[in-house]
N, C-alpha and C. Protein backbone atom coordinates (compact mmCIF):
# COMPACT_ATOMS: atom_id res chain seq x y z
N MET A 1 74.46 43.11 9.28
CA MET A 1 75.16 43.62 10.42
C MET A 1 75.07 42.59 11.54
N LEU A 2 76.18 42.33 12.18
CA LEU A 2 76.25 41.35 13.25
C LEU A 2 75.72 41.95 14.55
N LYS A 3 74.78 41.24 15.14
CA LYS A 3 74.19 41.71 16.39
C LYS A 3 74.93 41.06 17.55
N THR A 4 75.43 41.86 18.45
CA THR A 4 76.12 41.32 19.62
C THR A 4 75.24 41.50 20.84
N SER A 5 75.26 40.51 21.70
CA SER A 5 74.48 40.61 22.93
C SER A 5 75.43 40.84 24.10
N LYS A 6 74.86 41.25 25.19
CA LYS A 6 75.68 41.47 26.37
C LYS A 6 76.16 40.14 26.92
N SER A 7 77.30 40.17 27.54
CA SER A 7 77.84 38.98 28.17
C SER A 7 77.01 38.61 29.39
N LYS A 8 76.91 37.33 29.68
CA LYS A 8 76.16 36.91 30.87
C LYS A 8 76.90 37.30 32.15
N ASN A 9 78.18 37.61 32.02
CA ASN A 9 78.96 38.00 33.19
C ASN A 9 79.02 39.51 33.40
N ASP A 10 78.31 40.26 32.57
CA ASP A 10 78.29 41.71 32.68
C ASP A 10 77.36 42.10 33.83
N PRO A 11 77.89 42.73 34.88
CA PRO A 11 77.05 43.08 36.03
C PRO A 11 75.89 44.01 35.69
N THR A 12 76.03 44.84 34.65
CA THR A 12 74.94 45.74 34.28
C THR A 12 73.80 44.99 33.61
N ALA A 13 74.06 43.79 33.10
CA ALA A 13 73.02 43.00 32.43
C ALA A 13 72.20 42.18 33.42
N ARG A 14 72.69 42.06 34.63
CA ARG A 14 71.98 41.27 35.64
C ARG A 14 70.82 42.06 36.20
N GLY A 15 69.84 41.35 36.72
CA GLY A 15 68.67 42.00 37.31
C GLY A 15 69.02 42.59 38.67
N PRO A 16 68.03 43.15 39.33
CA PRO A 16 68.29 43.71 40.66
C PRO A 16 68.72 42.62 41.63
N GLN A 17 69.55 42.99 42.58
CA GLN A 17 70.05 42.04 43.55
C GLN A 17 68.89 41.48 44.37
N GLN A 18 68.97 40.20 44.68
CA GLN A 18 67.93 39.58 45.49
C GLN A 18 67.91 40.24 46.86
N GLN A 19 66.73 40.55 47.33
CA GLN A 19 66.62 41.19 48.64
C GLN A 19 67.02 40.21 49.73
N ASP A 20 67.65 40.74 50.76
CA ASP A 20 68.05 39.89 51.87
C ASP A 20 66.80 39.39 52.58
N LYS A 21 66.84 38.14 52.98
CA LYS A 21 65.70 37.58 53.71
C LYS A 21 65.86 37.91 55.19
N THR A 22 64.73 38.07 55.87
CA THR A 22 64.75 38.34 57.30
C THR A 22 63.84 37.35 58.01
N PHE A 23 64.16 37.08 59.26
CA PHE A 23 63.37 36.19 60.10
C PHE A 23 63.26 36.86 61.46
N HIS A 24 62.05 37.26 61.84
CA HIS A 24 61.79 37.99 63.08
C HIS A 24 62.67 39.24 63.19
N GLY A 25 62.82 39.95 62.07
CA GLY A 25 63.56 41.20 62.05
C GLY A 25 65.06 41.07 61.94
N LYS A 26 65.60 39.86 61.90
CA LYS A 26 67.04 39.66 61.77
C LYS A 26 67.36 39.20 60.37
N LYS A 27 68.45 39.72 59.79
CA LYS A 27 68.88 39.27 58.48
C LYS A 27 69.43 37.85 58.60
N VAL A 28 69.10 37.02 57.63
CA VAL A 28 69.61 35.65 57.62
C VAL A 28 70.32 35.39 56.30
N LYS A 29 71.23 34.41 56.34
CA LYS A 29 71.96 34.03 55.14
C LYS A 29 71.91 32.51 55.00
N PRO A 30 72.08 32.00 53.78
CA PRO A 30 72.04 30.56 53.59
C PRO A 30 73.37 29.90 53.94
N VAL A 31 73.30 28.75 54.58
CA VAL A 31 74.47 27.94 54.90
C VAL A 31 74.11 26.48 54.65
N LEU A 32 75.11 25.68 54.30
CA LEU A 32 74.87 24.26 54.07
C LEU A 32 74.82 23.55 55.42
N TYR A 33 73.70 22.89 55.69
CA TYR A 33 73.53 22.12 56.92
C TYR A 33 73.64 20.64 56.57
N VAL A 34 74.56 19.96 57.22
CA VAL A 34 74.74 18.53 57.00
C VAL A 34 74.34 17.83 58.30
N GLY A 35 73.15 17.27 58.30
CA GLY A 35 72.63 16.61 59.50
C GLY A 35 72.40 15.13 59.27
N ASN A 36 73.23 14.51 58.44
CA ASN A 36 73.06 13.09 58.13
C ASN A 36 73.18 12.22 59.38
N ALA A 37 74.06 12.59 60.30
CA ALA A 37 74.28 11.77 61.49
C ALA A 37 73.06 11.73 62.40
N VAL A 38 72.22 12.75 62.35
CA VAL A 38 71.04 12.79 63.22
C VAL A 38 69.75 12.58 62.44
N GLY A 39 69.85 12.20 61.17
CA GLY A 39 68.67 11.88 60.37
C GLY A 39 67.98 13.06 59.73
N HIS A 40 68.63 14.22 59.64
CA HIS A 40 68.01 15.40 59.04
C HIS A 40 68.35 15.56 57.57
N GLY A 41 69.40 14.94 57.10
CA GLY A 41 69.80 15.08 55.70
C GLY A 41 70.67 16.30 55.48
N ARG A 42 70.80 16.69 54.20
CA ARG A 42 71.61 17.84 53.80
C ARG A 42 70.75 18.85 53.09
N TYR A 43 70.80 20.11 53.50
CA TYR A 43 70.03 21.15 52.84
C TYR A 43 70.58 22.52 53.23
N MET A 44 70.10 23.54 52.53
CA MET A 44 70.51 24.91 52.82
C MET A 44 69.64 25.42 53.97
N ALA A 45 70.28 25.75 55.08
CA ALA A 45 69.58 26.22 56.26
C ALA A 45 69.81 27.73 56.41
N ALA A 46 69.09 28.34 57.33
CA ALA A 46 69.22 29.78 57.58
C ALA A 46 70.07 30.01 58.82
N GLN A 47 70.97 31.00 58.71
CA GLN A 47 71.85 31.37 59.81
C GLN A 47 71.77 32.87 60.01
N ASP A 48 71.72 33.34 61.25
CA ASP A 48 71.67 34.78 61.49
C ASP A 48 73.07 35.38 61.46
N ASP A 49 73.16 36.70 61.62
CA ASP A 49 74.45 37.39 61.55
C ASP A 49 75.40 36.99 62.66
N ALA A 50 74.87 36.53 63.78
CA ALA A 50 75.70 36.11 64.90
C ALA A 50 76.30 34.73 64.69
N GLY A 51 75.85 34.01 63.65
CA GLY A 51 76.39 32.69 63.35
C GLY A 51 75.57 31.54 63.91
N LYS A 52 74.40 31.84 64.47
CA LYS A 52 73.55 30.78 65.03
C LYS A 52 72.53 30.34 64.00
N LEU A 53 72.29 29.02 63.94
CA LEU A 53 71.27 28.50 63.04
C LEU A 53 69.89 28.89 63.54
N ILE A 54 68.99 29.18 62.62
CA ILE A 54 67.60 29.47 62.97
C ILE A 54 66.90 28.13 63.10
N LEU A 55 66.39 27.84 64.29
CA LEU A 55 65.76 26.55 64.56
C LEU A 55 64.25 26.65 64.40
N GLY A 56 63.67 25.59 63.82
CA GLY A 56 62.23 25.51 63.66
C GLY A 56 61.64 24.60 64.71
N ASP A 57 60.52 23.98 64.37
CA ASP A 57 59.85 23.07 65.30
C ASP A 57 60.71 21.85 65.58
N GLY A 58 60.77 21.44 66.80
CA GLY A 58 61.50 20.24 67.18
C GLY A 58 63.01 20.40 67.20
N GLY A 59 63.50 21.63 67.12
CA GLY A 59 64.94 21.85 67.18
C GLY A 59 65.67 21.61 65.88
N LYS A 60 64.93 21.37 64.80
CA LYS A 60 65.55 21.14 63.50
C LYS A 60 65.80 22.50 62.82
N PRO A 61 66.99 22.70 62.24
CA PRO A 61 67.27 23.97 61.56
C PRO A 61 66.27 24.24 60.44
N LEU A 62 65.86 25.50 60.34
CA LEU A 62 64.87 25.93 59.35
C LEU A 62 65.52 26.05 57.97
N ALA A 63 64.88 25.51 56.96
CA ALA A 63 65.40 25.59 55.59
C ALA A 63 65.33 27.03 55.09
N TYR A 64 66.35 27.48 54.38
CA TYR A 64 66.41 28.85 53.87
C TYR A 64 65.26 29.11 52.91
N ALA A 65 64.86 28.11 52.13
CA ALA A 65 63.77 28.27 51.17
C ALA A 65 62.42 28.47 51.85
N ASP A 66 62.29 28.05 53.10
CA ASP A 66 61.03 28.17 53.82
C ASP A 66 60.81 29.56 54.43
N ILE A 67 61.81 30.40 54.35
CA ILE A 67 61.68 31.75 54.93
C ILE A 67 61.13 32.68 53.88
């Protein structure tokens, strides 16, 4: 008998949705930050619901992975 597995695109086969990250009680989302002109490089930064970047020490945007 042929065993069939679920499709990887089947939403019921996926795990629970990743919980939203928060920073000081505000929900944040990942955005691509391109700071090559100022020497920061390119990385995924955190942005709040109002559209403002979450800034860390020295005014540099905080990486989403660091939250």
